[in-house]
């Protein structure tokens, strides 16, 4: 299983937005995605 970590200690830096956009992108390429 490959893992991608999106992390930053500062709040409000767009981590959730980036994670959901990456998940959507990989899902569109037929990868299995879990958040």
N, C-alpha and C. Protein backbone atom coordinates (compact mmCIF):
# COMPACT_ATOMS: atom_id res chain seq x y z
N UNK A 1 0.84 -1.16 0.00
CA UNK A 1 0.00 0.00 0.00
C UNK A 1 0.89 1.24 0.00
N UNK A 2 0.66 2.14 -0.93
CA UNK A 2 1.39 3.40 -0.96
C UNK A 2 0.63 4.42 -0.12
N UNK A 3 1.37 5.29 0.53
CA UNK A 3 0.78 6.28 1.43
C UNK A 3 1.27 7.67 1.08
N UNK A 4 0.35 8.62 1.10
CA UNK A 4 0.70 10.03 0.91
C UNK A 4 0.28 10.76 2.17
N UNK A 5 1.19 11.49 2.77
CA UNK A 5 0.91 12.25 3.99
C UNK A 5 0.92 13.73 3.66
N UNK A 6 -0.14 14.42 4.05
CA UNK A 6 -0.22 15.87 3.90
C UNK A 6 -0.21 16.44 5.31
N UNK A 7 0.88 17.11 5.68
CA UNK A 7 1.02 17.59 7.06
C UNK A 7 1.64 18.97 7.10
N UNK A 8 1.21 19.74 8.08
CA UNK A 8 1.77 21.06 8.36
C UNK A 8 1.25 21.44 9.75
N UNK A 9 2.12 21.83 10.66
CA UNK A 9 1.65 22.15 12.01
C UNK A 9 0.80 23.41 12.08
N UNK A 10 0.89 24.26 11.07
CA UNK A 10 0.13 25.51 11.09
C UNK A 10 -1.30 25.26 10.63
N UNK A 11 -2.26 25.79 11.36
CA UNK A 11 -3.66 25.67 10.96
C UNK A 11 -3.98 26.60 9.81
N UNK A 12 -5.00 26.25 9.04
CA UNK A 12 -5.45 27.11 7.96
C UNK A 12 -4.53 27.15 6.75
N UNK A 13 -3.73 26.11 6.58
CA UNK A 13 -2.78 26.11 5.46
C UNK A 13 -3.29 25.33 4.25
N UNK A 14 -4.53 24.84 4.30
CA UNK A 14 -5.12 24.15 3.15
C UNK A 14 -4.86 22.66 3.08
N UNK A 15 -4.56 22.03 4.22
CA UNK A 15 -4.27 20.59 4.23
C UNK A 15 -5.47 19.77 3.78
N UNK A 16 -6.65 20.09 4.30
CA UNK A 16 -7.85 19.32 3.95
C UNK A 16 -8.19 19.50 2.48
N UNK A 17 -8.10 20.72 1.99
CA UNK A 17 -8.38 20.99 0.58
C UNK A 17 -7.43 20.22 -0.32
N UNK A 18 -6.15 20.26 0.00
CA UNK A 18 -5.16 19.53 -0.79
C UNK A 18 -5.42 18.03 -0.73
N UNK A 19 -5.69 17.50 0.45
CA UNK A 19 -5.92 16.06 0.60
C UNK A 19 -7.14 15.60 -0.19
N UNK A 20 -8.24 16.35 -0.13
CA UNK A 20 -9.44 15.94 -0.87
C UNK A 20 -9.24 16.08 -2.38
N UNK A 21 -8.52 17.10 -2.82
CA UNK A 21 -8.24 17.24 -4.25
C UNK A 21 -7.33 16.13 -4.75
N UNK A 22 -6.32 15.77 -3.97
CA UNK A 22 -5.45 14.65 -4.35
C UNK A 22 -6.24 13.34 -4.40
N UNK A 23 -7.11 13.13 -3.42
CA UNK A 23 -7.92 11.91 -3.39
C UNK A 23 -8.82 11.84 -4.62
N UNK A 24 -9.44 12.95 -4.97
CA UNK A 24 -10.30 12.99 -6.16
C UNK A 24 -9.52 12.71 -7.43
N UNK A 25 -8.32 13.27 -7.51
CA UNK A 25 -7.48 13.05 -8.69
C UNK A 25 -7.09 11.58 -8.82
N UNK A 26 -6.60 10.99 -7.73
CA UNK A 26 -6.19 9.59 -7.79
C UNK A 26 -7.39 8.67 -8.02
N UNK A 27 -8.54 9.00 -7.46
CA UNK A 27 -9.74 8.20 -7.70
C UNK A 27 -10.13 8.26 -9.18
N UNK A 28 -9.95 9.42 -9.81
CA UNK A 28 -10.29 9.54 -11.23
C UNK A 28 -9.35 8.71 -12.11
N UNK A 29 -8.18 8.37 -11.57
CA UNK A 29 -7.24 7.51 -12.29
C UNK A 29 -7.42 6.04 -11.91
N UNK A 30 -8.54 5.72 -11.26
CA UNK A 30 -8.92 4.37 -10.84
C UNK A 30 -8.03 3.79 -9.75
N UNK A 31 -7.42 4.64 -8.94
CA UNK A 31 -6.73 4.17 -7.75
C UNK A 31 -7.75 4.02 -6.63
N UNK A 32 -7.50 3.10 -5.73
CA UNK A 32 -8.34 2.98 -4.54
C UNK A 32 -7.86 4.01 -3.53
N UNK A 33 -8.79 4.80 -3.02
CA UNK A 33 -8.44 5.94 -2.16
C UNK A 33 -9.16 5.82 -0.83
N UNK A 34 -8.44 6.15 0.24
CA UNK A 34 -9.06 6.20 1.57
C UNK A 34 -8.52 7.44 2.28
N UNK A 35 -9.42 8.24 2.84
CA UNK A 35 -9.02 9.41 3.62
C UNK A 35 -9.25 9.14 5.09
